Amino acid sequence: MMSMNKVSINPQNLAFDFSGRRRRRRRRRTSIISSSFTQPVVVSSSSSSSQSILPQIVLNGCTGKMGKAVIKAADSAGLHLLPVSFGCEEESGQTVQVWGQEIVVHPVSQRETVLASLFDQYPNLIVVDYTIPTAVNDNAELYAKVGVPFVMGTTGGDRDLLYKTVKDSGVYAVISPQMGKQVVAFLAAMEIMADRFPGAFSGYSLQAMESHQASKLDTSGTAKAVISCFQKLGVSFEMGQIQMIRDPRQQVEMVGVPEEHLAGHAFHMYHLTSPDNTVSFEFQHNVCGRSIYVEGTIDAVLFLAKKVQEKADKRIYNMIDVLREGDMR
C-alpha cells in the first residue's frame, strides 16, 4: 500500500516509527519409485474450452515454514503432492510428517536419480522450491538437467546464472523472489512509473528499511526490485544502504511488527525526501504471515502447468506473467 502519512525518521540510525498504524521440467529411466498414486485429475477451466490436467508436485524444502504452508494449500487446491523431498546427507531416509502427510527425504547424492524417475512416471510433475539462498543455483541446475518444470520461490543465489541455466536448458519455470500477487502488482506499477517517467525523482534522497523474520538471511529481493525502480527514477541509492531489521526487539518496538508474527512477516518502508526537505513521499507494504505468498505459489503452479500443456514458446515466466493471465483463484 502507499501512504502519505507522516513518518518520524531518525537520520542517524534510519529508524522508522510505525506508531499509530495497525501492528499486526526428461530422460527415460528405469523406475526406482514404486507407488500407488492416483491418476491425474482432469478439470475444466471456466476461461477455456479445453481441459487441463492438474499437476503432481514435489515440494523441495518441505520442512521449512513456507514449504509446510504450500503443502497445506496445495492439498486444499486439489493438487497431488508426491511424498518425496530432498535434504542433506544427515537427513537421508528420514520421513517427516507435514499436515498429516508422510514425506521421505532423499539426500543430495540421490536427488537426480530419484527426481528423473519420478518425472518418467509423472510427466505432469512440477517442482516447487522453497529452500535456502545457497541452494538456488544447484537446485536450478538439477531441475534443468532432469528437464522438470519448476516454480522457484526461493530468494538469493546468483540470479543471472539462474536465468542462464534455465534459458540454456529450455525447461519451463516460474521464477520470482516475490510470490505475493498484490505486492507483485505494486512492483509492476513501480516498473511502469520508472519506465515512463525516468528521472522524475532526481535529487531526492531515499531511506529504505525491510524487516523479516530472523531466519531470512538475505536482503529482501522485493526491496531490491523496488529500489531498482527508484534508481531509474533518478534516486541515488546503493543496495547496501538498505536497513535490514532481523532483531525481534527492534521489530516490535521500532517497526511495529505484532509479536505473534515475528516468525513470519515482511514489512517494507521507502521514504523519499526532496532536496530542500519540503516534499516527502512514502511507500509502504506490510505483510503478516505467509498466506499471500502461498496463494501466489499455487497460482504459479497452475499457470505453469497450463503453459507446459499448451507447449508455449516462452519458457521462463515471473509472477507478473501469472497476473496478466487473469486465471488466478
Protein backbone atom coordinates (compact mmCIF):
# COMPACT_ATOMS: atom_id res chain seq x y z
CA MET A 1 0.00 0.00 0.00
CA MET A 2 1.02 3.55 -0.50
CA SER A 3 0.62 6.02 2.28
CA MET A 4 1.20 9.74 2.62
CA ASN A 5 1.01 9.70 6.41
CA LYS A 6 3.80 11.47 8.20
CA VAL A 7 6.59 9.21 9.43
CA SER A 8 9.20 10.06 12.03
CA ILE A 9 12.67 9.16 10.79
CA ASN A 10 15.87 9.31 12.78
CA PRO A 11 18.55 10.15 10.18
CA GLN A 12 21.28 8.88 12.48
CA ASN A 13 20.18 5.27 12.59
CA LEU A 14 17.45 5.21 9.94
CA ALA A 15 14.85 4.08 12.42
CA PHE A 16 11.29 4.11 11.17
CA ASP A 17 8.48 4.78 13.56
CA PHE A 18 5.30 2.88 12.62
CA SER A 19 3.37 4.10 15.62
CA GLY A 20 -0.25 4.84 15.01
CA ARG A 21 -0.54 2.10 12.43
CA ARG A 22 -2.08 -1.27 12.79
CA ARG A 23 0.51 -3.81 14.01
CA ARG A 24 -0.08 -6.76 13.28
CA ARG A 25 10.74 -29.71 -16.45
CA ARG A 26 13.36 -35.90 -19.50
CA ARG A 27 15.18 -38.85 -19.86
CA ARG A 28 13.67 -42.35 -19.79
CA ARG A 29 14.99 -44.23 -16.86
CA THR A 30 14.19 -47.47 -15.11
CA SER A 31 11.73 -46.63 -12.40
CA ILE A 32 13.03 -46.85 -8.89
CA ILE A 33 9.98 -45.39 -7.21
CA SER A 34 7.16 -47.80 -6.50
CA SER A 35 3.88 -46.16 -5.61
CA SER A 36 0.13 -46.31 -5.81
CA PHE A 37 -0.56 -42.66 -6.56
CA THR A 38 -3.92 -41.81 -8.04
CA GLN A 39 -4.43 -40.81 -11.67
CA PRO A 40 -4.18 -37.12 -12.57
CA VAL A 41 -7.30 -35.10 -12.00
CA VAL A 42 -8.82 -33.52 -15.12
CA VAL A 43 -10.62 -30.25 -14.63
CA SER A 44 -12.44 -27.83 -16.91
CA SER A 45 -11.38 -24.21 -16.91
CA SER A 46 -14.14 -21.63 -16.98
CA SER A 47 -11.96 -19.36 -19.10
CA SER A 48 -11.03 -22.01 -21.66
CA SER A 49 -12.91 -24.60 -23.68
CA SER A 50 -10.04 -27.05 -23.26
CA GLN A 51 -9.46 -29.29 -20.29
CA SER A 52 -6.35 -29.13 -18.18
CA ILE A 53 -4.74 -31.78 -16.01
CA LEU A 54 -3.78 -30.78 -12.51
CA PRO A 55 -0.07 -31.42 -11.98
CA GLN A 56 1.60 -33.53 -9.36
CA ILE A 57 4.07 -31.57 -7.28
CA VAL A 58 7.25 -32.21 -5.35
CA LEU A 59 7.99 -29.68 -2.64
CA ASN A 60 11.71 -29.15 -2.21
CA GLY A 61 12.06 -27.62 1.21
CA CYS A 62 9.13 -29.39 2.85
CA THR A 63 10.30 -28.84 6.40
CA GLY A 64 10.51 -25.05 6.15
CA LYS A 65 7.62 -22.83 7.17
CA MET A 66 6.85 -21.78 3.58
CA GLY A 67 7.14 -25.39 2.43
CA LYS A 68 4.69 -26.57 5.07
CA ALA A 69 2.24 -23.80 4.24
CA VAL A 70 2.39 -24.57 0.50
CA ILE A 71 1.77 -28.27 1.15
CA LYS A 72 -1.40 -27.45 3.07
CA ALA A 73 -2.62 -25.05 0.38
CA ALA A 74 -1.78 -27.49 -2.44
CA ASP A 75 -3.93 -30.12 -0.77
CA SER A 76 -6.81 -27.66 -0.44
CA ALA A 77 -6.44 -26.75 -4.14
CA GLY A 78 -6.67 -30.41 -5.19
CA LEU A 79 -3.04 -30.68 -6.23
CA HIS A 80 -1.35 -34.06 -5.74
CA LEU A 81 1.73 -33.90 -3.56
CA LEU A 82 4.23 -36.71 -4.14
CA PRO A 83 5.78 -37.84 -0.83
CA VAL A 84 9.33 -37.01 -1.83
CA SER A 85 11.70 -34.20 -0.93
CA PHE A 86 15.45 -33.62 -0.73
CA GLY A 87 17.84 -32.69 2.03
CA CYS A 88 21.37 -33.02 3.32
CA GLU A 89 23.08 -36.37 3.91
CA GLU A 90 22.23 -36.22 7.60
CA GLU A 91 18.50 -36.14 6.75
CA SER A 92 18.76 -39.11 4.33
CA GLY A 93 15.98 -41.64 4.76
CA GLN A 94 14.07 -39.55 7.25
CA THR A 95 10.30 -39.45 6.99
CA VAL A 96 8.74 -36.17 8.03
CA GLN A 97 5.12 -35.52 8.83
CA VAL A 98 3.64 -32.41 7.27
CA TRP A 99 -0.06 -31.77 7.78
CA GLY A 100 -0.70 -35.49 8.15
CA GLN A 101 1.32 -36.44 5.07
CA GLU A 102 4.48 -38.53 5.28
CA ILE A 103 7.33 -37.29 3.07
CA VAL A 104 10.58 -39.20 2.54
CA VAL A 105 13.67 -37.00 2.46
CA HIS A 106 16.36 -38.13 -0.01
CA PRO A 107 20.00 -36.98 0.21
CA VAL A 108 21.71 -34.77 -2.34
CA SER A 109 23.62 -37.76 -3.74
CA GLN A 110 20.33 -39.42 -4.82
CA ARG A 111 18.27 -36.46 -5.89
CA GLU A 112 18.94 -36.60 -9.67
CA THR A 113 18.13 -40.33 -9.91
CA VAL A 114 15.03 -40.00 -7.76
CA LEU A 115 13.70 -36.88 -9.49
CA ALA A 116 14.32 -38.30 -13.00
CA SER A 117 12.46 -41.49 -12.05
CA LEU A 118 9.53 -39.52 -10.70
CA PHE A 119 9.40 -37.36 -13.83
CA ASP A 120 9.31 -40.53 -16.00
CA GLN A 121 6.31 -41.76 -14.02
CA TYR A 122 4.56 -38.41 -13.71
CA PRO A 123 5.12 -36.26 -16.84
CA ASN A 124 2.89 -33.53 -15.38
CA LEU A 125 5.25 -33.11 -12.44
CA ILE A 126 6.21 -29.64 -11.24
CA VAL A 127 8.76 -28.96 -8.51
CA VAL A 128 8.15 -26.14 -6.06
CA ASP A 129 11.34 -24.83 -4.50
CA TYR A 130 11.39 -23.15 -1.11
CA THR A 131 14.85 -24.00 0.13
CA ILE A 132 17.70 -21.62 1.01
CA PRO A 133 19.61 -18.96 -0.97
CA THR A 134 22.82 -21.00 -1.17
CA ALA A 135 20.92 -23.91 -2.81
CA VAL A 136 19.21 -21.90 -5.54
CA ASN A 137 21.74 -22.43 -8.35
CA ASP A 138 22.48 -26.09 -7.61
CA ASN A 139 18.77 -26.84 -7.47
CA ALA A 140 18.12 -24.99 -10.73
CA GLU A 141 20.88 -27.00 -12.40
CA LEU A 142 19.23 -30.19 -11.16
CA TYR A 143 15.78 -29.26 -12.48
CA ALA A 144 17.31 -28.14 -15.79
CA LYS A 145 19.31 -31.36 -16.17
CA VAL A 146 16.28 -33.55 -15.49
CA GLY A 147 14.05 -31.26 -17.55
CA VAL A 148 11.34 -30.91 -14.93
CA PRO A 149 9.33 -27.64 -14.80
CA PHE A 150 9.66 -25.75 -11.56
CA VAL A 151 8.45 -22.80 -9.54
CA MET A 152 11.31 -21.06 -7.76
CA GLY A 153 10.14 -19.07 -4.77
CA THR A 154 13.49 -19.14 -3.00
CA THR A 155 15.32 -15.83 -2.94
CA GLY A 156 19.03 -15.18 -3.29
CA GLY A 157 21.70 -17.08 -5.20
CA ASP A 158 23.27 -15.87 -8.44
CA ARG A 159 20.16 -14.71 -10.28
CA ASP A 160 21.96 -14.10 -13.60
CA LEU A 161 23.32 -17.65 -13.52
CA LEU A 162 19.88 -18.92 -12.53
CA TYR A 163 18.22 -17.41 -15.59
CA LYS A 164 21.08 -18.54 -17.86
CA THR A 165 20.77 -22.11 -16.58
CA VAL A 166 17.04 -22.18 -17.28
CA LYS A 167 17.33 -20.46 -20.65
CA ASP A 168 20.06 -22.80 -21.88
CA SER A 169 18.10 -25.89 -20.82
CA GLY A 170 14.75 -24.81 -22.27
CA VAL A 171 12.91 -26.00 -19.17
CA TYR A 172 9.67 -24.29 -18.15
CA ALA A 173 9.88 -22.25 -14.97
CA VAL A 174 8.25 -19.50 -12.94
CA ILE A 175 10.95 -17.61 -11.10
CA SER A 176 10.03 -14.89 -8.67
CA PRO A 177 11.56 -13.68 -5.41
CA GLN A 178 8.11 -12.30 -4.58
CA MET A 179 5.08 -14.60 -4.81
CA GLY A 180 2.54 -12.28 -3.22
CA LYS A 181 0.21 -11.29 -6.07
CA GLN A 182 -0.78 -7.93 -4.67
CA VAL A 183 2.82 -7.00 -3.86
CA VAL A 184 3.78 -8.05 -7.40
CA ALA A 185 1.08 -5.75 -8.75
CA PHE A 186 2.63 -2.90 -6.73
CA LEU A 187 6.05 -3.78 -8.18
CA ALA A 188 4.59 -3.76 -11.69
CA ALA A 189 3.17 -0.28 -11.06
CA MET A 190 6.58 0.88 -9.86
CA GLU A 191 8.23 -0.51 -13.01
CA ILE A 192 5.70 1.25 -15.23
CA MET A 193 6.35 4.54 -13.43
CA ALA A 194 10.13 4.09 -13.74
CA ASP A 195 9.91 3.26 -17.45
CA ARG A 196 7.56 6.13 -18.30
CA PHE A 197 8.99 8.83 -16.07
CA PRO A 198 12.75 8.26 -15.76
CA GLY A 199 14.46 10.85 -13.59
CA ALA A 200 11.21 12.07 -12.03
CA PHE A 201 12.73 11.89 -8.55
CA SER A 202 16.20 13.18 -9.42
CA GLY A 203 17.80 14.83 -6.42
CA TYR A 204 15.52 13.12 -3.89
CA SER A 205 17.09 11.20 -1.04
CA LEU A 206 15.85 7.72 -0.15
CA GLN A 207 15.72 5.86 3.11
CA ALA A 208 14.73 2.18 2.87
CA MET A 209 14.00 -0.40 5.52
CA GLU A 210 12.89 -4.03 5.36
CA SER A 211 12.03 -6.25 8.30
CA HIS A 212 11.66 -10.03 8.03
CA GLN A 213 11.79 -13.00 10.40
CA ALA A 214 15.26 -13.67 11.80
CA SER A 215 15.58 -16.87 9.73
CA LYS A 216 15.68 -14.85 6.50
CA LEU A 217 19.40 -14.46 5.87
CA ASP A 218 19.48 -12.35 2.69
CA THR A 219 18.29 -8.86 1.85
CA SER A 220 14.75 -8.78 0.55
CA GLY A 221 14.53 -9.34 -3.21
CA THR A 222 11.38 -7.24 -3.23
CA ALA A 223 13.20 -4.31 -1.64
CA LYS A 224 15.95 -4.60 -4.25
CA ALA A 225 13.37 -4.59 -7.06
CA VAL A 226 11.63 -1.51 -5.70
CA ILE A 227 14.93 0.32 -5.23
CA SER A 228 15.94 -0.55 -8.82
CA CYS A 229 12.84 1.36 -9.89
CA PHE A 230 13.75 4.34 -7.72
CA GLN A 231 17.23 4.33 -9.27
CA LYS A 232 15.65 4.58 -12.74
CA LEU A 233 13.57 7.43 -11.38
CA GLY A 234 16.77 9.32 -10.61
CA VAL A 235 17.40 8.49 -6.97
CA SER A 236 20.99 7.86 -5.97
CA PHE A 237 20.93 4.85 -3.65
CA GLU A 238 23.04 1.71 -3.24
CA MET A 239 21.58 -1.68 -2.29
CA GLY A 240 23.98 -1.85 0.63
CA GLN A 241 22.18 1.11 2.18
CA ILE A 242 19.02 -0.91 2.79
CA GLN A 243 18.41 -1.23 6.50
CA MET A 244 17.77 -4.89 7.33
CA ILE A 245 15.92 -5.46 10.57
CA ARG A 246 16.19 -9.00 11.96
CA ASP A 247 16.28 -8.37 15.69
CA PRO A 248 12.88 -9.26 17.24
CA ARG A 249 13.03 -6.49 19.81
CA GLN A 250 13.65 -3.82 17.16
CA GLN A 251 10.92 -5.35 15.01
CA VAL A 252 8.38 -4.92 17.77
CA GLU A 253 9.49 -1.62 19.24
CA MET A 254 10.78 0.24 16.17
CA VAL A 255 8.93 -1.33 13.23
CA GLY A 256 5.69 -2.26 14.94
CA VAL A 257 5.54 -5.92 13.97
CA PRO A 258 2.95 -7.79 16.07
CA GLU A 259 4.68 -10.26 18.35
CA GLU A 260 2.59 -13.15 17.04
CA HIS A 261 4.04 -12.53 13.55
CA LEU A 262 7.72 -12.18 14.42
CA ALA A 263 8.32 -15.66 12.95
CA GLY A 264 6.71 -14.72 9.64
CA HIS A 265 6.35 -11.17 8.33
CA ALA A 266 7.58 -8.74 5.66
CA PHE A 267 7.45 -5.04 6.48
CA HIS A 268 8.83 -2.59 3.91
CA MET A 269 9.21 1.19 4.04
CA TYR A 270 10.62 3.54 1.38
CA HIS A 271 10.77 7.23 2.26
CA LEU A 272 11.72 9.88 -0.31
CA THR A 273 12.61 13.47 0.57
CA SER A 274 13.10 16.40 -1.79
CA PRO A 275 16.45 18.25 -1.86
CA ASP A 276 15.02 21.14 0.16
CA ASN A 277 13.17 18.87 2.60
CA THR A 278 9.80 20.43 1.76
CA VAL A 279 8.30 17.40 -0.04
CA SER A 280 8.22 13.77 1.01
CA PHE A 281 6.75 10.57 -0.41
CA GLU A 282 6.30 7.31 1.42
CA PHE A 283 5.68 3.83 0.03
CA GLN A 284 4.87 1.06 2.45
CA HIS A 285 3.68 -2.55 2.26
CA ASN A 286 3.38 -4.74 5.33
CA VAL A 287 2.64 -8.46 5.36
CA CYS A 288 1.91 -10.58 8.40
CA GLY A 289 2.07 -14.35 7.93
CA ARG A 290 2.63 -16.29 4.71
CA SER A 291 -0.81 -16.74 3.16
CA ILE A 292 -0.25 -14.09 0.46
CA TYR A 293 2.85 -15.96 -0.80
CA VAL A 294 1.22 -19.38 -0.54
CA GLU A 295 -1.77 -18.34 -2.64
CA GLY A 296 0.53 -16.87 -5.28
CA THR A 297 2.62 -20.04 -5.34
CA ILE A 298 -0.41 -22.25 -6.04
CA ASP A 299 -1.49 -19.87 -8.83
CA ALA A 300 2.04 -20.04 -10.26
CA VAL A 301 1.93 -23.86 -10.27
CA LEU A 302 -1.42 -23.92 -12.08
CA PHE A 303 -0.24 -21.26 -14.53
CA LEU A 304 2.97 -23.16 -15.32
CA ALA A 305 1.11 -26.45 -15.75
CA LYS A 306 -1.11 -24.73 -18.33
CA LYS A 307 1.89 -23.35 -20.25
CA VAL A 308 3.54 -26.79 -20.30
CA GLN A 309 0.35 -28.44 -21.59
CA GLU A 310 -0.02 -25.73 -24.26
CA LYS A 311 3.65 -26.24 -25.26
CA ALA A 312 4.10 -22.47 -25.06
CA ASP A 313 7.09 -20.99 -26.86
CA LYS A 314 8.06 -18.87 -23.89
CA ARG A 315 9.73 -20.89 -21.16
CA ILE A 316 10.70 -18.52 -18.35
CA TYR A 317 7.96 -16.63 -16.51
CA ASN A 318 7.55 -14.47 -13.46
CA MET A 319 4.61 -13.52 -11.27
CA ILE A 320 3.69 -10.58 -13.48
CA ASP A 321 3.04 -13.12 -16.25
CA VAL A 322 0.82 -15.00 -13.82
CA LEU A 323 -1.08 -11.81 -13.02
CA ARG A 324 -1.53 -10.94 -16.69
CA GLU A 325 -3.03 -14.37 -17.40
CA GLY A 326 -6.01 -13.45 -15.25
CA ASP A 327 -6.82 -17.03 -14.19
CA MET A 328 -5.97 -16.63 -10.53
CA ARG A 329 -8.18 -18.24 -7.94
